[in-house]
Protein backbone atom coordinates (compact mmCIF):
# COMPACT_ATOMS: atom_id res chain seq x y z
CA UNK A 1 46.16 17.82 10.18
CA UNK A 2 43.03 15.92 9.25
CA UNK A 3 41.18 16.79 6.07
CA UNK A 4 37.65 18.21 6.22
CA UNK A 5 36.18 14.97 4.84
CA UNK A 6 37.99 12.91 7.49
CA UNK A 7 36.69 15.20 10.23
CA UNK A 8 33.14 14.88 8.89
CA UNK A 9 33.43 11.08 8.66
CA UNK A 10 34.69 10.96 12.25
CA UNK A 11 31.85 13.18 13.44
CA UNK A 12 29.29 11.06 11.57
CA UNK A 13 30.66 7.87 13.12
CA UNK A 14 30.47 9.46 16.55
CA UNK A 15 26.86 10.54 16.03
CA UNK A 16 25.85 7.10 14.74
CA UNK A 17 27.48 5.44 17.77
CA UNK A 18 24.78 6.87 20.05
CA UNK A 19 23.09 3.88 21.76
CA UNK A 20 19.69 2.67 20.60
CA UNK A 21 16.65 3.50 22.65
CA UNK A 22 16.42 0.81 25.37
CA UNK A 23 13.83 -1.92 25.12
CA UNK A 24 11.34 -3.00 27.73
CA UNK A 25 11.22 -6.66 28.70
CA UNK A 26 8.45 -7.61 26.29
CA UNK A 27 10.17 -5.73 23.50
CA UNK A 28 13.37 -7.68 24.19
CA UNK A 29 11.46 -10.93 23.71
CA UNK A 30 9.99 -9.63 20.44
CA UNK A 31 13.45 -8.61 19.24
CA UNK A 32 14.66 -12.14 20.01
CA UNK A 33 11.79 -13.51 17.88
CA UNK A 34 12.81 -11.28 14.97
CA UNK A 35 16.37 -12.60 15.24
CA UNK A 36 15.10 -16.14 14.60
CA UNK A 37 14.18 -15.09 11.05
CA UNK A 38 17.75 -14.13 10.14
CA UNK A 39 19.19 -16.32 7.39
CA UNK A 40 22.75 -15.71 8.56
CA UNK A 41 23.33 -16.75 12.19
CA UNK A 42 19.66 -16.95 13.27
CA UNK A 43 18.96 -16.13 16.89
CA UNK A 44 18.30 -18.79 19.48
CA UNK A 45 14.94 -19.69 20.98
CA UNK A 46 16.13 -19.26 24.57
CA UNK A 47 13.80 -16.30 25.11
CA UNK A 48 10.80 -18.53 24.33
CA UNK A 49 11.74 -21.57 26.42
CA UNK A 50 10.95 -20.21 29.89
CA UNK A 51 8.32 -17.65 28.93
CA UNK A 52 5.45 -17.63 31.46
CA UNK A 53 1.92 -18.27 30.19
CA UNK A 54 0.94 -14.65 30.84
CA UNK A 55 3.84 -13.40 28.71
CA UNK A 56 3.00 -15.91 25.98
CA UNK A 57 -0.43 -14.31 25.80
CA UNK A 58 1.12 -10.88 25.19
CA UNK A 59 3.61 -12.30 22.69
CA UNK A 60 0.88 -14.09 20.72
CA UNK A 61 -1.12 -10.89 20.55
CA UNK A 62 1.89 -9.07 19.09
CA UNK A 63 2.61 -11.92 16.66
CA UNK A 64 -0.98 -11.81 15.43
CA UNK A 65 -1.06 -8.02 15.03
CA UNK A 66 2.38 -7.92 13.39
CA UNK A 67 1.52 -10.70 10.92
CA UNK A 68 4.40 -12.91 12.13
CA UNK A 69 2.57 -15.74 13.90
CA UNK A 70 2.37 -18.18 10.98
CA UNK A 71 5.75 -17.11 9.65
CA UNK A 72 7.23 -18.01 13.05
CA UNK A 73 5.57 -21.43 13.02
CA UNK A 74 7.00 -22.06 9.55
CA UNK A 75 10.47 -20.81 10.53
CA UNK A 76 10.64 -22.97 13.66
CA UNK A 77 9.54 -25.96 11.57
CA UNK A 78 12.30 -25.18 9.07
CA UNK A 79 14.91 -24.99 11.85
CA UNK A 80 13.51 -28.08 13.62
CA UNK A 81 12.90 -26.00 16.74
CA UNK A 82 9.20 -26.56 17.34
CA UNK A 83 10.04 -27.86 20.82
CA UNK A 84 10.56 -24.22 21.79
CA UNK A 85 6.77 -23.80 21.62
CA UNK A 86 4.58 -25.02 24.47
CA UNK A 87 2.15 -27.71 23.28
CA UNK A 88 -0.93 -25.46 23.53
CA UNK A 89 0.83 -22.67 21.61
CA UNK A 90 1.88 -25.08 18.87
CA UNK A 91 -1.68 -26.41 18.66
CA UNK A 92 -3.10 -22.90 18.48
CA UNK A 93 -0.74 -21.82 15.67
CA UNK A 94 -1.37 -25.04 13.74
CA UNK A 95 -5.11 -24.36 13.88
CA UNK A 96 -4.48 -20.77 12.80
CA UNK A 97 -2.56 -22.06 9.78
CA UNK A 98 -5.43 -24.36 8.83
CA UNK A 99 -7.94 -21.50 9.19
CA UNK A 100 -5.74 -19.11 7.25
CA UNK A 101 -5.50 -21.54 4.35
CA UNK A 102 -9.30 -21.36 4.05
CA UNK A 103 -9.22 -17.57 4.39
CA UNK A 104 -6.53 -17.25 1.72
CA UNK A 105 -8.52 -19.47 -0.64
CA UNK A 106 -11.64 -17.34 -0.12
CA UNK A 107 -9.65 -14.15 -0.74
CA UNK A 108 -8.19 -15.61 -3.92
CA UNK A 109 -11.67 -16.48 -5.19
CA UNK A 110 -12.83 -12.94 -4.43
CA UNK A 111 -9.76 -11.52 -6.15
CA UNK A 112 -10.47 -13.56 -9.27
CA UNK A 113 -14.15 -12.55 -9.26
CA UNK A 114 -13.19 -8.87 -9.09
CA UNK A 115 -10.61 -9.44 -11.82
CA UNK A 116 -13.30 -10.92 -14.09
CA UNK A 117 -15.56 -7.96 -13.35
CA UNK A 118 -12.83 -5.47 -14.17
CA UNK A 119 -12.06 -7.30 -17.41
CA UNK A 120 -15.74 -7.31 -18.41
CA UNK A 121 -15.90 -3.52 -18.07
CA UNK A 122 -12.47 -2.83 -19.61
CA UNK A 123 -10.97 -1.56 -16.35
CA UNK A 124 -7.19 -1.25 -16.61
CA UNK A 125 -5.72 -2.61 -13.39
CA UNK A 126 -2.95 -4.56 -11.66
CA UNK A 127 -2.90 -6.37 -8.34
CA UNK A 128 -0.82 -4.72 -5.61
CA UNK A 129 0.82 -6.32 -2.56
CA UNK A 130 -0.85 -9.49 -1.28
CA UNK A 131 -0.73 -12.32 -3.80
CA UNK A 132 1.71 -10.38 -6.01
CA UNK A 133 4.44 -10.91 -3.38
CA UNK A 134 4.57 -14.65 -4.04
CA UNK A 135 7.07 -16.31 -4.35
CA UNK A 136 9.92 -13.79 -3.83
CA UNK A 137 8.68 -12.46 -0.48
CA UNK A 138 6.13 -15.08 0.59
CA UNK A 139 6.99 -18.76 0.12
CA UNK A 140 3.38 -19.93 0.61
CA UNK A 141 0.39 -17.59 0.61
CA UNK A 142 -1.37 -19.40 3.46
CA UNK A 143 1.43 -18.16 5.74
CA UNK A 144 0.57 -14.51 5.10
CA UNK A 145 -1.95 -12.70 7.27
CA UNK A 146 -3.71 -10.72 4.54
CA UNK A 147 -6.41 -8.27 5.56
CA UNK A 148 -7.61 -6.87 2.23
CA UNK A 149 -7.13 -6.72 -1.53
CA UNK A 150 -5.33 -3.85 -3.26
CA UNK A 151 -5.59 -2.87 -6.92
CA UNK A 152 -3.92 -0.21 -8.98
CA UNK A 153 -6.57 1.19 -11.36
CA UNK A 154 -6.19 3.72 -14.13
CA UNK A 155 -7.75 7.02 -13.00
CA UNK A 156 -9.92 7.17 -16.14
CA UNK A 157 -11.53 3.85 -15.14
CA UNK A 158 -12.40 4.80 -11.55
CA UNK A 159 -16.17 4.98 -12.11
CA UNK A 160 -16.30 1.59 -13.83
CA UNK A 161 -14.16 0.01 -11.11
CA UNK A 162 -16.49 1.38 -8.43
CA UNK A 163 -19.49 0.04 -10.37
CA UNK A 164 -17.94 -3.44 -10.40
CA UNK A 165 -17.26 -3.37 -6.66
CA UNK A 166 -20.71 -2.05 -5.80
CA UNK A 167 -22.14 -4.86 -7.89
CA UNK A 168 -20.37 -7.27 -5.56
CA UNK A 169 -21.83 -5.62 -2.46
CA UNK A 170 -19.03 -3.20 -1.56
CA UNK A 171 -19.66 0.35 -0.39
CA UNK A 172 -17.27 3.29 -0.48
CA UNK A 173 -15.94 3.68 3.05
CA UNK A 174 -13.15 6.26 2.81
CA UNK A 175 -11.13 8.45 0.46
CA UNK A 176 -7.50 9.45 1.04
CA UNK A 177 -5.64 11.14 -1.77
CA UNK A 178 -5.65 8.73 -4.70
CA UNK A 179 -6.85 5.82 -2.57
CA UNK A 180 -10.43 4.59 -2.25
CA UNK A 181 -11.43 2.09 0.43
CA UNK A 182 -14.45 -0.15 -0.08
CA UNK A 183 -16.01 -2.48 2.48
CA UNK A 184 -18.90 -4.91 2.55
CA UNK A 185 -21.53 -4.11 5.23
CA UNK A 186 -21.22 -6.03 8.48
CA UNK A 187 -22.99 -5.33 11.76
CA UNK A 188 -20.80 -7.49 14.00
CA UNK A 189 -17.36 -6.94 15.47
CA UNK A 190 -14.16 -8.11 13.79
CA UNK A 191 -12.32 -9.72 16.71
CA UNK A 192 -8.72 -10.86 16.85
CA UNK A 193 -9.71 -14.46 17.57
CA UNK A 194 -11.19 -14.65 14.05
CA UNK A 195 -8.18 -13.06 12.35
CA UNK A 196 -7.25 -16.23 10.45
CA UNK A 197 -10.78 -17.35 9.54
CA UNK A 198 -12.63 -16.29 6.37
CA UNK A 199 -13.74 -12.74 7.11
CA UNK A 200 -17.44 -11.80 7.21
CA UNK A 201 -16.44 -8.32 6.04
CA UNK A 202 -14.34 -7.83 2.91
CA UNK A 203 -12.15 -4.81 2.19
CA UNK A 204 -10.78 -3.63 -1.14
CA UNK A 205 -8.52 -0.64 -1.71
CA UNK A 206 -8.33 1.04 -5.11
CA UNK A 207 -5.22 3.13 -5.81
CA UNK A 208 -5.63 5.41 -8.81
CA UNK A 209 -2.84 5.64 -11.35
CA UNK A 210 -2.50 9.16 -12.85
CA UNK A 211 -3.79 9.40 -16.41
CA UNK A 212 -0.37 10.46 -17.68
CA UNK A 213 1.36 7.40 -16.15
CA UNK A 214 2.19 4.37 -18.29
CA UNK A 215 2.91 1.92 -15.49
CA UNK A 216 -0.15 -0.24 -16.16
CA UNK A 217 0.84 -0.64 -19.80
CA UNK A 218 3.94 -2.52 -18.57
CA UNK A 219 2.15 -4.90 -16.22
CA UNK A 220 3.05 -8.58 -16.37
CA UNK A 221 1.14 -11.77 -15.64
CA UNK A 222 1.79 -13.69 -12.42
CA UNK A 223 0.84 -17.36 -12.51
CA UNK A 224 -0.48 -18.80 -9.26
CA UNK A 225 -1.38 -22.40 -9.89
CA UNK A 226 -3.89 -22.46 -12.73
CA UNK A 227 -4.75 -18.75 -12.55
CA UNK A 228 -3.01 -15.67 -13.93
CA UNK A 229 -3.15 -12.19 -12.38
CA UNK A 230 -1.80 -8.90 -13.79
CA UNK A 231 0.88 -7.42 -11.50
CA UNK A 232 3.45 -4.64 -11.74
CA UNK A 233 6.84 -5.26 -13.39
CA UNK A 234 9.37 -6.79 -10.96
CA UNK A 235 11.40 -3.58 -10.31
CA UNK A 236 8.28 -1.48 -9.65
CA UNK A 237 6.82 -4.24 -7.49
CA UNK A 238 9.94 -4.25 -5.30
CA UNK A 239 10.08 -0.45 -5.11
CA UNK A 240 6.39 -0.33 -4.21
CA UNK A 241 6.92 -2.92 -1.49
CA UNK A 242 9.76 -0.86 0.02
CA UNK A 243 7.77 2.38 -0.22
CA UNK A 244 4.84 0.68 1.50
CA UNK A 245 7.12 -0.11 4.45
CA UNK A 246 8.41 3.46 4.39
CA UNK A 247 4.83 4.76 4.50
CA UNK A 248 4.12 2.74 7.63
CA UNK A 249 7.39 3.82 9.25
CA UNK A 250 6.22 7.39 8.70
CA UNK A 251 3.05 6.64 10.65
CA UNK A 252 2.23 5.32 14.11
CA UNK A 253 1.93 1.61 13.34
CA UNK A 254 3.87 -0.82 11.20
CA UNK A 255 3.50 -4.57 10.68
CA UNK A 256 6.75 -6.46 11.10
CA UNK A 257 5.59 -8.87 8.41
CA UNK A 258 6.17 -6.08 5.85
CA UNK A 259 9.78 -5.84 7.02
CA UNK A 260 10.29 -9.61 6.94
CA UNK A 261 8.78 -9.91 3.46
CA UNK A 262 11.03 -7.17 2.11
CA UNK A 263 14.03 -8.86 3.77
CA UNK A 264 13.19 -12.11 2.00
CA UNK A 265 12.79 -10.27 -1.29
CA UNK A 266 16.25 -8.77 -0.78
CA UNK A 267 17.77 -12.21 -0.24
CA UNK A 268 16.06 -13.60 -3.32
CA UNK A 269 17.37 -10.80 -5.55
CA UNK A 270 20.77 -10.42 -3.88
CA UNK A 271 22.89 -11.50 -6.88
CA UNK A 272 20.58 -10.19 -9.61
CA UNK A 273 22.59 -7.20 -10.88
CA UNK A 274 20.22 -6.56 -13.80
CA UNK A 275 17.25 -6.38 -11.41
CA UNK A 276 18.95 -3.81 -9.17
CA UNK A 277 19.84 -1.73 -12.21
CA UNK A 278 16.17 -1.64 -13.21
CA UNK A 279 15.12 -0.72 -9.67
CA UNK A 280 17.58 2.17 -9.69
CA UNK A 281 16.19 3.37 -13.03
CA UNK A 282 12.63 3.16 -11.69
CA UNK A 283 13.47 5.42 -8.73
CA UNK A 284 16.13 7.73 -10.17
CA UNK A 285 13.75 10.39 -11.47
CA UNK A 286 11.94 10.83 -8.12
CA UNK A 287 14.16 11.91 -5.17
CA UNK A 288 11.38 11.29 -2.64
CA UNK A 289 10.92 7.76 -3.98
CA UNK A 290 14.66 7.11 -3.73
CA UNK A 291 14.65 8.47 -0.18
CA UNK A 292 11.80 6.19 0.86
CA UNK A 293 13.48 3.19 -0.74
CA UNK A 294 16.77 3.94 1.01
CA UNK A 295 15.19 4.37 4.42
CA UNK A 296 13.18 1.15 4.10
CA UNK A 297 16.32 -0.78 3.12
CA UNK A 298 18.29 0.79 5.95
CA UNK A 299 15.56 -0.21 8.40
CA UNK A 300 15.46 -3.81 7.15
CA UNK A 301 19.24 -4.23 7.10
CA UNK A 302 19.59 -2.82 10.61
CA UNK A 303 16.82 -4.96 12.11
CA UNK A 304 17.51 -8.20 10.26
CA UNK A 305 21.01 -8.46 8.78
CA UNK A 306 23.33 -5.72 7.43
CA UNK A 307 24.78 -8.19 4.91
CA UNK A 308 21.40 -8.70 3.19
CA UNK A 309 21.98 -5.59 1.08
CA UNK A 310 24.66 -5.75 -1.66
CA UNK A 311 27.34 -3.06 -1.41
CA UNK A 312 26.57 -1.97 -4.98
CA UNK A 313 22.96 -1.28 -3.95
CA UNK A 314 23.91 0.30 -0.64
CA UNK A 315 26.03 2.88 -2.48
CA UNK A 316 22.99 4.50 -4.16
CA UNK A 317 20.38 3.86 -1.46
CA UNK A 318 21.26 3.77 2.24
CA UNK A 319 24.64 5.52 1.87
CA UNK A 320 22.88 8.54 0.38
CA UNK A 321 20.40 8.92 3.20
CA UNK A 322 20.61 12.13 5.26
CA UNK A 323 22.52 11.56 8.47
CA UNK A 324 19.45 12.34 10.66
CA UNK A 325 17.46 9.62 8.87
CA UNK A 326 20.19 7.04 9.45
CA UNK A 327 20.46 8.12 13.07
CA UNK A 328 16.68 7.71 13.54
CA UNK A 329 16.87 4.12 12.27
CA UNK A 330 19.77 3.29 14.58
CA UNK A 331 18.32 4.89 17.69
CA UNK A 332 14.62 4.10 17.31
CA UNK A 333 14.36 1.31 14.73
CA UNK A 334 14.21 -1.63 17.13
CA UNK A 335 11.77 0.16 19.44
CA UNK A 336 9.48 0.84 16.45
CA UNK A 337 9.78 -2.74 15.16
CA UNK A 338 8.95 -4.29 18.55
CA UNK A 339 6.28 -1.82 19.67
CA UNK A 340 2.91 -3.16 20.69
CA UNK A 341 -0.38 -2.14 19.16
CA UNK A 342 -1.19 0.58 18.18
CA UNK A 343 2.44 1.73 17.91
CA UNK A 344 4.44 4.77 18.96
CA UNK A 345 4.75 8.43 18.01
CA UNK A 346 8.46 8.15 17.30
CA UNK A 347 7.54 8.52 13.62
CA UNK A 348 7.20 12.25 14.35
CA UNK A 349 10.96 12.32 14.94
CA UNK A 350 11.46 10.65 11.56
CA UNK A 351 9.39 13.41 9.97
CA UNK A 352 11.65 15.82 11.83
CA UNK A 353 14.72 14.07 10.37
CA UNK A 354 13.42 14.24 6.80
CA UNK A 355 12.28 17.87 6.82
CA UNK A 356 12.85 21.18 8.54
CA UNK A 357 12.61 20.67 12.32
CA UNK A 358 9.27 21.77 13.73
CA UNK A 359 8.35 22.59 17.30
CA UNK A 360 5.92 20.36 19.25
CA UNK A 361 3.29 23.10 18.99
CA UNK A 362 3.59 23.47 15.24
CA UNK A 363 0.04 22.92 13.86
CA UNK A 364 1.12 19.89 11.77
CA UNK A 365 2.78 18.21 14.77
CA UNK A 366 0.05 19.20 17.22
CA UNK A 367 -2.65 17.66 15.03
CA UNK A 368 -0.80 14.32 15.17
CA UNK A 369 -0.18 14.55 18.91
CA UNK A 370 -3.79 15.44 19.69
CA UNK A 371 -6.10 14.82 16.70
CA UNK A 372 -8.96 17.27 16.32
CA UNK A 373 -11.30 14.71 14.79
CA UNK A 374 -12.75 11.48 16.09
CA UNK A 375 -11.40 8.29 14.53
CA UNK A 376 -13.37 6.86 11.59
CA UNK A 377 -16.08 4.27 12.05
CA UNK A 378 -14.65 0.80 12.49
CA UNK A 379 -17.37 -0.88 10.46
CA UNK A 380 -19.95 -0.38 7.74
CA UNK A 381 -23.51 -0.99 9.07
CA UNK A 382 -25.97 -2.92 6.92
CA UNK A 383 -28.98 -1.10 5.51
CA UNK A 384 -31.42 -3.08 7.70
CA UNK A 385 -29.57 -2.53 11.00
CA UNK A 386 -31.97 -2.59 13.94
CA UNK A 387 -31.80 -0.55 17.16
CA UNK A 388 -29.98 -3.19 19.32
CA UNK A 389 -27.36 -3.54 16.60
CA UNK A 390 -26.97 0.23 16.45
CA UNK A 391 -26.45 0.39 20.23
CA UNK A 392 -23.91 -2.44 20.16
CA UNK A 393 -22.01 -0.81 17.30
CA UNK A 394 -22.04 2.50 19.22
CA UNK A 395 -20.54 0.80 22.28
CA UNK A 396 -17.77 -0.75 20.18
CA UNK A 397 -17.03 2.60 18.58
CA UNK A 398 -16.91 4.30 22.03
CA UNK A 399 -14.40 1.69 23.25
CA UNK A 400 -12.32 2.27 20.15
CA UNK A 401 -12.33 6.03 20.76
CA UNK A 402 -11.22 5.46 24.38
CA UNK A 403 -8.34 3.23 23.26
CA UNK A 404 -7.20 5.83 20.74
CA UNK A 405 -7.40 8.58 23.38
CA UNK A 406 -5.29 6.53 25.79
CA UNK A 407 -2.76 5.87 23.03
CA UNK A 408 -2.47 9.55 22.07
CA UNK A 409 -1.99 10.55 25.71
CA UNK A 410 0.61 7.90 26.59
CA UNK A 411 2.67 8.07 23.41
CA UNK A 412 2.38 11.84 23.18
CA UNK A 413 4.08 12.18 26.56
CA UNK A 414 6.80 9.71 25.57
CA UNK A 415 7.39 11.61 22.35
CA UNK A 416 7.79 14.95 24.15
CA UNK A 417 10.32 13.39 26.55
CA UNK A 418 12.39 11.79 23.79
CA UNK A 419 12.17 14.85 21.55
CA UNK A 420 14.60 16.73 23.84
CA UNK A 421 17.30 14.09 23.34
CA UNK A 422 16.60 14.01 19.61
CA UNK A 423 17.07 17.75 19.23
CA UNK A 424 20.37 17.54 21.08
CA UNK A 425 21.45 14.82 18.69
CA UNK A 426 20.53 16.97 15.72
CA UNK A 427 22.61 19.86 17.05
CA UNK A 428 25.55 17.47 17.34
CA UNK A 429 25.39 16.31 13.74
CA UNK A 430 28.18 17.39 11.35
CA UNK A 431 27.45 20.75 9.77
CA UNK A 432 25.37 22.02 12.69
CA UNK A 433 26.44 24.52 15.32
CA UNK A 434 26.94 21.77 17.87
CA UNK A 435 29.70 19.90 16.04
CA UNK A 436 30.49 16.39 17.27
CA UNK A 437 28.63 14.64 20.05
CA UNK A 438 29.29 16.16 23.43
CA UNK A 439 30.02 14.20 26.60
CA UNK A 440 26.83 15.52 28.19
CA UNK A 441 24.75 14.29 25.27
CA UNK A 442 26.39 10.87 25.35
CA UNK A 443 25.69 10.66 29.07
CA UNK A 444 22.08 11.72 28.53
CA UNK A 445 21.47 9.06 25.85
CA UNK A 446 23.34 6.42 27.81
CA UNK A 447 21.33 7.32 30.89
CA UNK A 448 18.14 6.57 29.01
CA UNK A 449 19.39 3.01 28.50
CA UNK A 450 19.27 2.43 32.26
CA UNK A 451 15.48 2.52 32.19
CA UNK A 452 13.95 -0.47 33.94
CA UNK A 453 12.87 -3.23 31.58
CA UNK A 454 9.19 -3.25 32.48
CA UNK A 455 6.51 -4.96 30.39
């Protein structure tokens, strides 16, 4: 007779053996690109060698949106595999790198100017993400596609921080919880072709630290060349980086660069037992924080390299994840990582895995399937905007609304189709009425893998 624990372990293994959601042809190419970044046994460049020009166009678009384009150029240079890139693609990425160096320099100057303004008005703050990720996650800042600046500001200093930003030409653009988004006015369109050039519109996000928190009192100084910037302590910085990835996994769009940067941070800290002990202490008091950390690490280890996570860390992070969360990563992780813009709605199944299952017509789910409100404005108009500029901005906004409508329709249908398989998987999990995975369920999931690999 088998013990109860052995039966549960067997059932868990059977559930986790369900095949991953199949990839379309373009997603297979993107997955092959991600494999190139592995430190242990990196993938080959065979998928890039015979890629038609039309498919290169789609791949470049995904690399730009995902923040991986310059990282890929650097990785192929490191592996001496630049011959895998067609000459025009290599030339394009090299120009992007040159442009991004200028953009990064301009962002750094803006960051330092804001820092001086905060200091002049006694604003307590620390830099988040971006430049604070160097050097553990980002070897050289000009390789990172950075879109904005993020600061953690003490809640009591919010008014002074806003005054500093408004003095530099920013205007409050949006409020979400404890976050405040500021943008400089710009009448034109921000197009992908200018992604790596110094931006005509600047964005700053302020994240308010609760008044009772003492995190800012423990900030440290990060030296970047001849400048010094206040950042979070190393354990909190790592935890925040992982939770940022978790936040994007819980939404409809993630940037693969966040996953790659966390993977590199893991490799850098692999043998630092004292660091991992501090990270555990930083997350121990907040179960939700520990859950988000564990899921982010599970996602990275599954997509990049399972050996990147020390067993001692796995024991209190990924091993303690609920079985449905681990199953979601295994079944949908690669599809989410390789999805094109603007993403998928498979994150709704992750929400299902982390909470009480809800029906597709539950108000919370329905509002994410079919939003009741129009998307926010994509730009901040200048005060002296004339009528032609208003019309042009209206046309751009209408196109954006159409793209969002098409996305909600397409991905909503795909979600409803996949949700049936997901619910069957949940009934088969140990502890549910369904018991172990049935033959019919295995056949159903395996049948989904026979989908044609279309672009």
